[in-house]
Amino acid sequence: MIVVHRPDELEPARRAVAIGTFDGVHRGHVRVLEAALSAGLRPAVVTFDPHPRAVVGGGVELLTTLERRLELLADLGFEEVLVCRFDEGLAALTADEFAGSILRAMDAEVVAAGDGFRFGRGRSGDLDLLERLGFDVRRVPLVENVSSSHIRSLLAAGEVGRAAQLLGRPPEVEGTVVHGDHRGAGLGFPTANLDVPRELLVPALGIYAGSALGHPAAVSIGTNPHFGGSERRVEAFLLDYDGDLYGERLVVELWERLRDEAAFTSEAELVAAIADDVRRTREAQRPA
């Protein structure tokens, strides 16, 4: 997939453009993206990084990193993505200036967006304006109860199954594998400890069943209360996996929340609880 940061980096072509931040690439986003894919022109995406709310809205916890967002867009069939750096300069453009310097400059003829999409200084531009400017606008109705903010609230409560229904796939947490305390290996359950990007949302503390690299994974999100920890950590025990992951990026799916984290009266009780988590992880089913 071609990823560019300026419209003039794209070769001339008649384009159908899906525009939005698309954090999470959830079911509602997919409808917008499919509207561009089905328009009969070269499909492309315009997205923003950082998230506009991180610049003008007081901050936001992301459902996906930019790297993961681009992977999901490629999976849908897009070959071109314009990543617009959202900064104070971009936010200051009038709606007409934005349409001309971004959409017109990349030869967009069709523009697909969610019905409530706004753009330009003070969010003054809307899809009616794009129509008046001569674009063929494909308005995509919002999917009831499907929004990035709703998914964030579900994940903050640990409701990964309900979040999967809105996403259209299991929610994920990702990061770079780093060295931890190696306590898991000492207990017989070596874990991959993730250094999660600070802007990424991490679901509620607890023990989860999920997967990574095609292997079932028992995932702990918590502070290791049995050992008196206080720092939140994300650790994944990949079942039946033998390999060195240090320094690697790891994307972990979360399928089911198994239990709260807990402190135990003995190490033997802790090992028994982890063994039960592993058993339940083997039995867990990936959300449809």
Protein backbone atom coordinates (compact mmCIF):
# COMPACT_ATOMS: atom_id res chain seq x y z
CA MET A 1 0.00 0.00 0.00
CA ILE A 2 1.20 3.49 -0.87
CA VAL A 3 1.18 5.81 2.15
CA VAL A 4 1.84 9.49 1.49
CA HIS A 5 1.71 12.68 3.53
CA ARG A 6 1.05 15.22 0.76
CA PRO A 7 -1.45 15.07 -2.12
CA ASP A 8 1.27 15.83 -4.68
CA GLU A 9 2.97 12.54 -3.80
CA LEU A 10 0.11 10.70 -5.52
CA GLU A 11 0.08 10.19 -9.26
CA PRO A 12 -2.81 11.84 -11.14
CA ALA A 13 -5.93 9.68 -11.20
CA ARG A 14 -9.68 10.01 -10.83
CA ARG A 15 -10.27 9.04 -7.22
CA ALA A 16 -13.03 8.01 -4.86
CA VAL A 17 -11.89 9.12 -1.43
CA ALA A 18 -13.09 7.93 1.97
CA ILE A 19 -12.32 10.59 4.54
CA GLY A 20 -12.21 10.33 8.31
CA THR A 21 -9.92 9.53 11.20
CA PHE A 22 -11.19 5.93 11.25
CA ASP A 23 -9.80 5.16 14.70
CA GLY A 24 -10.58 1.49 15.25
CA VAL A 25 -11.82 0.89 11.69
CA HIS A 26 -15.10 -0.29 13.19
CA ARG A 27 -18.27 -1.46 11.42
CA GLY A 28 -19.49 2.09 10.84
CA HIS A 29 -16.14 3.09 9.34
CA VAL A 30 -16.19 0.03 7.09
CA ARG A 31 -19.45 1.21 5.51
CA VAL A 32 -17.82 4.52 4.62
CA LEU A 33 -14.77 2.76 3.25
CA GLU A 34 -16.86 0.34 1.21
CA ALA A 35 -18.71 3.30 -0.35
CA ALA A 36 -15.40 4.53 -1.76
CA LEU A 37 -14.30 1.05 -2.83
CA SER A 38 -17.51 0.52 -4.79
CA ALA A 39 -17.54 3.90 -6.59
CA GLY A 40 -15.72 2.68 -9.70
CA LEU A 41 -12.76 5.06 -9.43
CA ARG A 42 -9.35 4.56 -7.86
CA PRO A 43 -10.12 4.18 -4.14
CA ALA A 44 -8.10 6.12 -1.60
CA VAL A 45 -8.34 7.12 2.05
CA VAL A 46 -7.68 10.46 3.71
CA THR A 47 -7.01 10.04 7.42
CA PHE A 48 -5.42 12.13 10.16
CA ASP A 49 -2.55 11.72 12.59
CA PRO A 50 -2.50 12.63 15.38
CA HIS A 51 -6.19 12.28 16.13
CA PRO A 52 -7.85 15.72 15.78
CA ARG A 53 -9.14 15.51 19.35
CA ALA A 54 -5.55 15.21 20.56
CA VAL A 55 -4.89 18.65 19.08
CA VAL A 56 -8.14 20.59 19.50
CA GLY A 57 -10.37 18.42 21.67
CA GLY A 58 -8.53 17.79 24.91
CA GLY A 59 -7.07 14.38 24.10
CA VAL A 60 -8.31 10.90 23.28
CA GLU A 61 -7.24 7.30 23.92
CA LEU A 62 -6.84 5.55 20.59
CA LEU A 63 -8.32 2.18 19.66
CA THR A 64 -5.58 1.55 17.10
CA THR A 65 -2.13 2.87 16.38
CA LEU A 66 -1.60 4.49 13.00
CA GLU A 67 0.40 1.44 11.91
CA ARG A 68 -2.47 -0.88 12.78
CA ARG A 69 -5.02 1.44 11.16
CA LEU A 70 -3.05 1.32 7.91
CA GLU A 71 -2.86 -2.49 8.07
CA LEU A 72 -6.64 -2.72 8.49
CA LEU A 73 -7.20 -0.33 5.56
CA ALA A 74 -4.90 -2.45 3.40
CA ASP A 75 -6.85 -5.56 4.43
CA LEU A 76 -10.01 -3.92 3.08
CA GLY A 77 -8.37 -3.42 -0.32
CA PHE A 78 -7.07 0.14 -0.30
CA GLU A 79 -3.79 0.77 -2.10
CA GLU A 80 -3.45 4.51 -1.38
CA VAL A 81 -3.71 6.40 1.90
CA LEU A 82 -3.01 10.08 2.48
CA VAL A 83 -2.09 10.62 6.12
CA CYS A 84 -2.63 14.29 6.91
CA ARG A 85 -0.67 15.58 9.84
CA PHE A 86 -3.30 17.21 12.02
CA ASP A 87 -1.72 20.25 13.61
CA GLU A 88 -2.68 23.84 14.30
CA GLY A 89 -1.94 24.78 10.69
CA LEU A 90 -4.33 22.20 9.27
CA ALA A 91 -6.94 23.05 11.90
CA ALA A 92 -6.75 26.72 10.84
CA LEU A 93 -7.69 26.03 7.21
CA THR A 94 -11.15 27.16 6.20
CA ALA A 95 -13.44 24.45 4.89
CA ASP A 96 -12.98 25.72 1.31
CA GLU A 97 -9.19 25.77 1.74
CA PHE A 98 -9.19 22.24 3.11
CA ALA A 99 -11.30 20.94 0.23
CA GLY A 100 -9.03 22.59 -2.31
CA SER A 101 -5.64 21.78 -0.79
CA ILE A 102 -6.47 18.18 0.12
CA LEU A 103 -9.39 16.74 -1.84
CA ARG A 104 -9.11 18.73 -5.06
CA ALA A 105 -5.32 18.39 -5.00
CA MET A 106 -5.55 14.59 -4.98
CA ASP A 107 -8.07 14.52 -7.86
CA ALA A 108 -10.97 13.37 -5.72
CA GLU A 109 -14.23 13.20 -7.64
CA VAL A 110 -16.21 11.04 -5.22
CA VAL A 111 -16.03 11.71 -1.48
CA ALA A 112 -17.44 9.15 0.96
CA ALA A 113 -17.92 10.12 4.60
CA GLY A 114 -20.15 9.55 7.58
CA ASP A 115 -23.25 11.71 7.53
CA GLY A 116 -22.01 13.86 10.41
CA PHE A 117 -18.52 14.49 9.04
CA ARG A 118 -17.23 18.02 9.66
CA PHE A 119 -14.00 19.67 8.56
CA GLY A 120 -12.27 23.01 8.32
CA ARG A 121 -11.69 25.76 10.87
CA GLY A 122 -14.26 25.56 13.64
CA ARG A 123 -15.73 22.42 11.98
CA SER A 124 -17.55 24.77 9.61
CA GLY A 125 -17.53 22.46 6.58
CA ASP A 126 -19.97 19.64 5.97
CA LEU A 127 -21.06 17.31 3.19
CA ASP A 128 -23.51 19.90 1.82
CA LEU A 129 -20.56 22.21 1.21
CA LEU A 130 -18.65 19.49 -0.63
CA GLU A 131 -21.65 18.98 -2.90
CA ARG A 132 -21.80 22.70 -3.63
CA LEU A 133 -18.11 22.56 -4.50
CA GLY A 134 -18.86 19.93 -7.13
CA PHE A 135 -17.85 16.69 -5.45
CA ASP A 136 -19.98 13.57 -5.85
CA VAL A 137 -20.69 12.99 -2.16
CA ARG A 138 -21.60 9.54 -0.88
CA ARG A 139 -23.30 10.08 2.47
CA VAL A 140 -23.10 7.08 4.74
CA PRO A 141 -25.66 6.95 7.58
CA LEU A 142 -24.24 6.36 11.02
CA VAL A 143 -24.64 2.82 12.33
CA GLU A 144 -26.78 2.91 15.46
CA ASN A 145 -24.75 2.59 18.67
CA VAL A 146 -21.51 2.04 16.72
CA SER A 147 -18.91 4.70 17.44
CA SER A 148 -15.31 4.85 18.55
CA SER A 149 -16.35 6.58 21.79
CA HIS A 150 -18.86 3.82 22.59
CA ILE A 151 -16.24 1.16 21.94
CA ARG A 152 -13.79 3.00 24.21
CA SER A 153 -16.33 2.97 27.04
CA LEU A 154 -16.95 -0.77 26.59
CA LEU A 155 -13.23 -1.54 26.68
CA ALA A 156 -12.73 0.66 29.72
CA ALA A 157 -15.28 -1.62 31.42
CA GLY A 158 -13.59 -4.79 30.15
CA GLU A 159 -16.51 -5.72 27.90
CA VAL A 160 -14.39 -7.04 25.05
CA GLY A 161 -17.15 -9.27 23.64
CA ARG A 162 -19.55 -6.36 23.17
CA ALA A 163 -16.74 -4.23 21.77
CA ALA A 164 -15.99 -6.96 19.22
CA GLN A 165 -19.58 -6.80 17.98
CA LEU A 166 -19.18 -3.09 17.20
CA LEU A 167 -15.68 -3.41 15.77
CA GLY A 168 -16.50 -6.38 13.60
CA ARG A 169 -13.44 -8.18 14.98
CA PRO A 170 -11.85 -8.71 18.41
CA PRO A 171 -10.40 -5.64 20.12
CA GLU A 172 -6.64 -5.56 20.31
CA VAL A 173 -3.79 -4.24 22.39
CA GLU A 174 -0.33 -3.91 20.92
CA GLY A 175 3.17 -2.94 21.85
CA THR A 176 6.83 -3.80 21.66
CA VAL A 177 7.96 -6.84 23.64
CA VAL A 178 10.34 -5.81 26.40
CA HIS A 179 12.01 -7.53 29.34
CA GLY A 180 9.96 -7.77 32.52
CA ASP A 181 10.60 -9.39 35.88
CA HIS A 182 10.66 -12.90 34.35
CA ARG A 183 8.36 -14.13 37.12
CA GLY A 184 6.10 -15.88 34.59
CA ALA A 185 8.95 -17.99 33.27
CA GLY A 186 9.84 -18.96 36.83
CA LEU A 187 6.27 -20.14 37.36
CA GLY A 188 6.24 -22.10 34.09
CA PHE A 189 4.27 -19.52 32.10
CA PRO A 190 6.71 -17.23 30.25
CA THR A 191 5.00 -14.05 29.14
CA ALA A 192 5.64 -11.42 26.50
CA ASN A 193 5.61 -8.05 28.28
CA LEU A 194 4.30 -5.26 26.09
CA ASP A 195 5.48 -1.67 26.07
CA VAL A 196 2.17 -0.18 24.90
CA PRO A 197 2.21 3.21 23.13
CA ARG A 198 1.03 5.80 25.63
CA GLU A 199 -1.72 7.11 23.33
CA LEU A 200 -3.32 3.67 22.96
CA LEU A 201 -6.31 2.64 25.07
CA VAL A 202 -5.69 -0.36 27.31
CA PRO A 203 -8.84 -2.23 28.45
CA ALA A 204 -9.86 -2.67 32.08
CA LEU A 205 -7.56 -4.56 34.42
CA GLY A 206 -8.13 -8.28 34.44
CA ILE A 207 -7.21 -11.62 32.91
CA TYR A 208 -8.30 -12.23 29.31
CA ALA A 209 -8.35 -15.04 26.78
CA GLY A 210 -7.18 -14.04 23.34
CA SER A 211 -4.59 -14.77 20.69
CA ALA A 212 -1.35 -13.53 19.16
CA LEU A 213 0.69 -14.76 16.20
CA GLY A 214 -1.93 -17.42 15.55
CA HIS A 215 -1.59 -18.89 19.05
CA PRO A 216 -4.09 -18.79 21.91
CA ALA A 217 -2.90 -16.29 24.50
CA ALA A 218 -3.73 -15.82 28.16
CA VAL A 219 -3.37 -12.09 28.76
CA SER A 220 -2.89 -10.24 32.04
CA ILE A 221 -3.61 -6.53 32.20
CA GLY A 222 -2.82 -5.40 35.70
CA THR A 223 -0.36 -4.57 38.43
CA ASN A 224 0.68 -8.06 39.60
CA PRO A 225 -1.03 -7.62 43.00
CA HIS A 226 0.22 -11.01 44.21
CA PHE A 227 3.74 -9.56 44.12
CA GLY A 228 2.73 -6.14 45.45
CA GLY A 229 3.09 -4.37 42.12
CA SER A 230 1.69 -0.93 41.37
CA GLU A 231 2.66 -0.27 37.74
CA ARG A 232 0.18 -1.42 35.08
CA ARG A 233 1.55 -4.08 32.80
CA VAL A 234 0.26 -5.98 29.79
CA GLU A 235 1.60 -9.54 29.58
CA ALA A 236 0.65 -12.29 27.15
CA PHE A 237 1.41 -16.00 27.57
CA LEU A 238 1.31 -17.50 24.08
CA LEU A 239 0.28 -21.13 24.35
CA ASP A 240 2.44 -23.66 22.49
CA TYR A 241 4.80 -20.94 21.29
CA ASP A 242 8.57 -21.22 21.47
CA GLY A 243 10.48 -18.21 20.22
CA ASP A 244 12.25 -14.99 21.10
CA LEU A 245 9.94 -11.97 20.75
CA TYR A 246 12.09 -9.32 22.43
CA GLY A 247 12.07 -6.10 20.45
CA GLU A 248 9.23 -7.27 18.22
CA ARG A 249 5.90 -5.53 17.72
CA LEU A 250 3.09 -7.78 18.95
CA VAL A 251 -0.63 -7.36 18.29
CA VAL A 252 -2.78 -9.28 20.79
CA GLU A 253 -6.48 -9.99 20.27
CA LEU A 254 -8.73 -10.03 23.34
CA TRP A 255 -11.59 -12.51 23.07
CA GLU A 256 -13.05 -12.87 26.56
CA ARG A 257 -12.49 -11.43 30.02
CA LEU A 258 -11.90 -14.38 32.35
CA ARG A 259 -11.61 -12.80 35.80
CA ASP A 260 -10.34 -9.94 37.93
CA GLU A 261 -6.67 -9.89 38.82
CA ALA A 262 -6.05 -11.01 42.39
CA ALA A 263 -3.47 -11.62 45.10
CA PHE A 264 -3.26 -15.22 46.28
CA THR A 265 -2.33 -16.77 49.63
CA SER A 266 0.49 -18.82 48.14
CA GLU A 267 2.52 -19.31 45.00
CA ALA A 268 0.89 -22.70 44.53
CA GLU A 269 -2.54 -21.05 44.53
CA LEU A 270 -1.30 -18.51 41.96
CA VAL A 271 0.06 -21.25 39.69
CA ALA A 272 -3.24 -23.14 39.94
CA ALA A 273 -5.17 -19.99 38.97
CA ILE A 274 -2.91 -19.36 35.97
CA ALA A 275 -3.27 -23.00 34.89
CA ASP A 276 -7.04 -22.57 34.98
CA ASP A 277 -6.72 -19.36 32.94
CA VAL A 278 -4.71 -21.32 30.35
CA ARG A 279 -7.33 -24.08 30.26
CA ARG A 280 -10.13 -21.57 29.72
CA THR A 281 -8.07 -19.79 27.08
CA ARG A 282 -7.79 -23.04 25.11
CA GLU A 283 -11.58 -23.35 25.24
CA ALA A 284 -12.32 -19.72 24.32
CA GLN A 285 -13.89 -18.90 20.98
CA ARG A 286 -12.91 -15.95 18.82
CA PRO A 287 -15.79 -13.45 18.61
CA ALA A 288 -17.44 -13.55 15.21
